N, C-alpha and C. Protein backbone atom coordinates (compact mmCIF):
# COMPACT_ATOMS: atom_id res chain seq x y z
N MET A 1 0.48 -0.94 -0.23
CA MET A 1 -0.14 0.09 0.09
C MET A 1 0.81 1.10 -0.04
N ASN A 2 0.51 2.16 -0.58
CA ASN A 2 1.69 3.74 -0.39
C ASN A 2 0.57 4.26 0.16
N VAL A 3 1.63 5.37 0.88
CA VAL A 3 1.72 6.40 1.45
C VAL A 3 0.01 7.13 1.72
N GLU A 4 0.05 7.67 0.40
CA GLU A 4 -1.12 8.39 0.24
C GLU A 4 -2.28 7.89 0.58
N HIS A 5 -2.63 6.69 0.10
CA HIS A 5 -3.40 5.57 0.64
C HIS A 5 -4.12 5.68 1.73
N GLU A 6 -2.94 5.22 2.35
CA GLU A 6 -2.80 4.56 3.94
C GLU A 6 -3.31 5.94 4.43
N ILE A 7 -3.01 7.18 4.34
CA ILE A 7 -3.07 7.84 4.89
C ILE A 7 -4.82 9.20 4.60
N HIS A 8 -5.04 8.67 3.78
CA HIS A 8 -6.63 8.00 3.44
C HIS A 8 -7.73 7.70 4.28
N LEU A 9 -7.22 5.97 4.51
CA LEU A 9 -7.58 5.72 5.17
C LEU A 9 -7.92 5.88 6.98
N LEU A 10 -6.38 6.07 7.10
CA LEU A 10 -6.76 6.97 8.33
C LEU A 10 -7.45 8.09 8.68
N VAL A 11 -7.70 9.28 8.00
CA VAL A 11 -8.56 10.18 7.71
C VAL A 11 -10.07 9.74 8.41
N GLU A 12 -10.36 8.97 7.14
CA GLU A 12 -11.29 7.97 7.45
C GLU A 12 -12.13 7.28 8.55
N GLU A 13 -11.26 6.79 9.67
CA GLU A 13 -10.58 5.93 10.32
C GLU A 13 -11.45 6.47 11.97
N ILE A 14 -10.28 7.75 11.65
CA ILE A 14 -9.93 9.07 12.37
C ILE A 14 -12.39 10.14 12.04
N LYS A 15 -12.91 9.87 10.69
CA LYS A 15 -14.20 10.36 11.64
C LYS A 15 -15.31 9.55 11.59
N ARG A 16 -14.73 8.21 11.58
CA ARG A 16 -15.37 6.73 11.85
C ARG A 16 -16.03 6.55 12.23
N LEU A 17 -14.43 7.08 13.80
CA LEU A 17 -14.07 7.02 14.76
C LEU A 17 -14.33 7.86 16.30
N GLY A 18 -14.19 8.77 16.12
CA GLY A 18 -13.92 10.20 16.58
C GLY A 18 -14.90 10.44 16.97
N LYS A 19 -14.52 11.84 16.45
CA LYS A 19 -16.14 12.94 17.10
C LYS A 19 -15.11 14.26 16.40
N GLU A 20 -16.20 15.07 16.18
CA GLU A 20 -16.29 16.48 16.30
C GLU A 20 -16.02 17.21 17.45
N GLY A 21 -15.32 18.59 17.54
CA GLY A 21 -14.47 18.81 18.76
C GLY A 21 -14.44 20.13 18.70
N ALA A 22 -14.04 21.38 19.11
CA ALA A 22 -14.64 22.34 19.25
C ALA A 22 -14.53 23.18 17.75
N GLY A 23 -13.37 23.06 17.18
CA GLY A 23 -13.01 23.75 16.23
C GLY A 23 -13.45 22.94 15.11
N GLY A 24 -14.81 22.02 15.36
CA GLY A 24 -15.51 21.61 14.13
C GLY A 24 -14.44 20.37 13.41
N LYS A 25 -13.58 20.19 14.14
CA LYS A 25 -12.52 19.36 13.25
C LYS A 25 -12.77 18.07 14.28
N TYR A 26 -12.41 16.26 13.23
CA TYR A 26 -13.03 15.40 14.04
C TYR A 26 -11.07 15.67 14.78
N GLU A 27 -11.97 14.17 16.06
CA GLU A 27 -10.67 13.95 16.70
C GLU A 27 -11.09 12.67 17.68
N VAL A 28 -9.59 11.99 18.12
CA VAL A 28 -9.81 10.74 18.80
C VAL A 28 -8.90 10.52 19.41
N THR A 29 -8.67 9.40 20.45
CA THR A 29 -7.79 8.84 20.99
C THR A 29 -6.79 8.16 20.21
N PHE A 30 -5.86 7.93 20.48
CA PHE A 30 -4.38 7.00 19.62
C PHE A 30 -4.77 5.48 20.42
N GLY A 31 -5.41 5.65 21.57
CA GLY A 31 -5.80 4.29 22.14
C GLY A 31 -7.32 3.83 21.98
N THR A 32 -8.09 4.54 21.60
CA THR A 32 -9.48 4.11 20.01
C THR A 32 -9.15 3.59 18.47
N LEU A 33 -8.06 4.81 18.07
CA LEU A 33 -7.55 3.98 16.90
C LEU A 33 -6.56 2.26 17.58
N PHE A 34 -5.54 2.74 18.52
CA PHE A 34 -4.60 1.49 18.40
C PHE A 34 -5.44 0.43 18.53
N ASN A 35 -6.78 0.20 19.46
CA ASN A 35 -7.51 -0.61 19.93
C ASN A 35 -8.62 -1.20 19.43
N ASP A 36 -9.57 0.01 17.93
CA ASP A 36 -10.03 -0.74 16.56
C ASP A 36 -9.85 -1.67 16.53
N ASP A 37 -10.29 -2.88 16.23
CA ASP A 37 -10.03 -4.07 15.13
C ASP A 37 -10.48 -4.14 13.32
N LYS A 38 -10.58 -3.05 13.37
CA LYS A 38 -10.77 -2.63 12.08
C LYS A 38 -10.21 -1.42 12.09
N CYS A 39 -9.15 -0.91 12.56
CA CYS A 39 -7.78 0.28 12.25
C CYS A 39 -6.56 -0.94 12.35
N ALA A 40 -6.72 -2.09 13.22
CA ALA A 40 -6.03 -3.24 13.06
C ALA A 40 -5.60 -3.91 12.08
N ASN A 41 -6.39 -3.92 11.40
CA ASN A 41 -6.61 -5.17 10.30
C ASN A 41 -6.12 -4.26 9.22
N ILE A 42 -6.55 -2.83 8.34
CA ILE A 42 -5.93 -1.91 7.64
C ILE A 42 -5.04 -1.52 7.52
N PHE A 43 -4.23 -1.41 8.82
CA PHE A 43 -2.38 -0.67 8.90
C PHE A 43 -1.30 -1.18 9.48
N GLU A 44 -0.38 -1.84 8.37
CA GLU A 44 0.05 -2.65 9.22
C GLU A 44 0.80 -1.89 10.29
N ALA A 45 1.40 -0.38 10.49
CA ALA A 45 2.04 0.49 11.28
C ALA A 45 1.74 1.73 11.33
N LEU A 46 0.64 1.15 12.08
CA LEU A 46 -0.59 2.72 12.33
C LEU A 46 0.25 4.10 12.99
N VAL A 47 1.44 3.69 13.85
CA VAL A 47 2.36 4.28 13.78
C VAL A 47 2.83 5.41 13.39
N GLY A 48 3.31 4.21 12.05
CA GLY A 48 4.06 5.26 10.72
C GLY A 48 3.41 5.87 9.74
N THR A 49 1.76 5.39 9.85
CA THR A 49 0.58 6.03 9.23
C THR A 49 0.80 6.95 9.04
N LEU A 50 0.68 7.60 11.43
CA LEU A 50 -0.19 8.97 11.89
C LEU A 50 1.69 9.91 12.06
N ARG A 51 2.20 9.62 11.22
CA ARG A 51 4.16 9.96 11.76
C ARG A 51 4.28 10.35 10.07
N ALA A 52 3.31 9.98 9.41
CA ALA A 52 3.89 10.37 7.63
C ALA A 52 3.16 11.35 7.17
N ALA A 53 1.44 11.22 8.62
CA ALA A 53 0.03 11.93 8.07
C ALA A 53 0.95 13.04 8.54
N LYS A 54 1.15 13.59 10.41
CA LYS A 54 1.29 14.46 10.75
C LYS A 54 2.25 15.46 9.85
N LYS A 55 3.70 15.04 9.37
CA LYS A 55 4.42 15.46 9.23
C LYS A 55 3.87 15.80 8.02
N LYS A 56 2.96 15.90 6.99
CA LYS A 56 2.23 16.23 6.07
C LYS A 56 1.53 17.46 6.38
N LYS A 57 1.14 17.52 7.92
CA LYS A 57 0.39 18.00 8.77
C LYS A 57 -1.31 18.39 8.03
N ILE A 58 -1.56 16.93 7.99
CA ILE A 58 -2.86 16.43 8.46
C ILE A 58 -3.60 16.38 9.43
N ILE A 59 -2.65 15.53 10.39
CA ILE A 59 -3.11 15.36 11.15
C ILE A 59 -2.28 16.34 12.20
N LYS A 60 -2.99 16.60 13.92
CA LYS A 60 -1.69 17.03 14.40
C LYS A 60 -1.90 16.25 15.76
N TYR A 61 -0.47 16.01 16.43
CA TYR A 61 -0.84 15.39 18.14
C TYR A 61 0.47 15.72 18.94
N ASP A 62 -0.06 15.49 20.01
CA ASP A 62 1.76 15.86 20.76
C ASP A 62 2.60 15.32 20.56
N GLY A 63 3.30 15.18 21.14
CA GLY A 63 4.62 14.34 20.74
C GLY A 63 5.01 13.91 19.06
N GLU A 64 6.11 13.07 19.46
CA GLU A 64 7.10 12.34 18.41
C GLU A 64 5.68 10.60 17.69
N LEU A 65 6.37 10.30 19.48
CA LEU A 65 6.22 8.36 19.28
C LEU A 65 5.28 8.24 20.21
N LEU A 66 4.35 7.82 19.23
CA LEU A 66 2.91 7.23 20.15
C LEU A 66 3.53 5.55 20.60
N LEU A 67 3.06 5.57 21.83
CA LEU A 67 2.73 4.13 22.28
C LEU A 67 1.96 3.64 23.29
N GLN A 68 1.73 2.81 22.77
CA GLN A 68 0.66 1.84 23.23
C GLN A 68 0.59 1.17 24.39
N GLY A 69 -0.74 2.09 24.92
CA GLY A 69 -0.21 1.56 26.33
C GLY A 69 -0.36 3.12 27.43
N VAL A 70 0.76 3.53 26.69
CA VAL A 70 1.22 5.13 27.20
C VAL A 70 1.71 6.04 27.36
N HIS A 71 0.09 5.77 26.04
CA HIS A 71 -0.13 7.38 25.23
C HIS A 71 -1.52 7.58 24.31
N ASP A 72 -2.26 6.00 25.25
CA ASP A 72 -3.55 6.05 24.68
C ASP A 72 -4.77 7.10 24.79
N LYS A 73 -4.46 7.42 25.41
CA LYS A 73 -4.97 9.24 25.77
C LYS A 73 -4.71 10.48 25.24
N VAL A 74 -3.95 10.59 24.28
CA VAL A 74 -3.09 11.37 23.52
C VAL A 74 -4.50 11.85 22.56
N VAL A 75 -4.43 12.92 22.01
CA VAL A 75 -5.61 13.02 21.02
C VAL A 75 -5.16 13.31 20.06
N ILE A 76 -6.24 12.52 18.70
CA ILE A 76 -5.77 12.97 17.65
C ILE A 76 -6.24 13.73 16.35
N SER A 77 -6.19 14.87 15.73
CA SER A 77 -6.56 15.50 15.28
C SER A 77 -6.78 15.93 14.13
N LEU A 78 -7.89 15.66 13.05
CA LEU A 78 -7.64 16.60 11.67
C LEU A 78 -7.51 17.46 11.37
N CYS A 79 -6.78 18.79 10.61
CA CYS A 79 -5.72 19.67 10.59
C CYS A 79 -7.19 20.39 9.46
């Protein structure tokens, strides 16, 4: 799978699992994404896809590297 396609899928999953925040942008926690069965089947490397989307300024979140358990409550939002 190419990166652009995975980022597109990531945006769709954030919209499916998340909710609209104060600014009208969708947001979801890392734990919700990581623990979702559909996301687990779609993304081979969720963290890598998140980093690529952040670098392209499609999403934003605090920190650089998200780890399951430690960063489950980190909010990921669409830009």
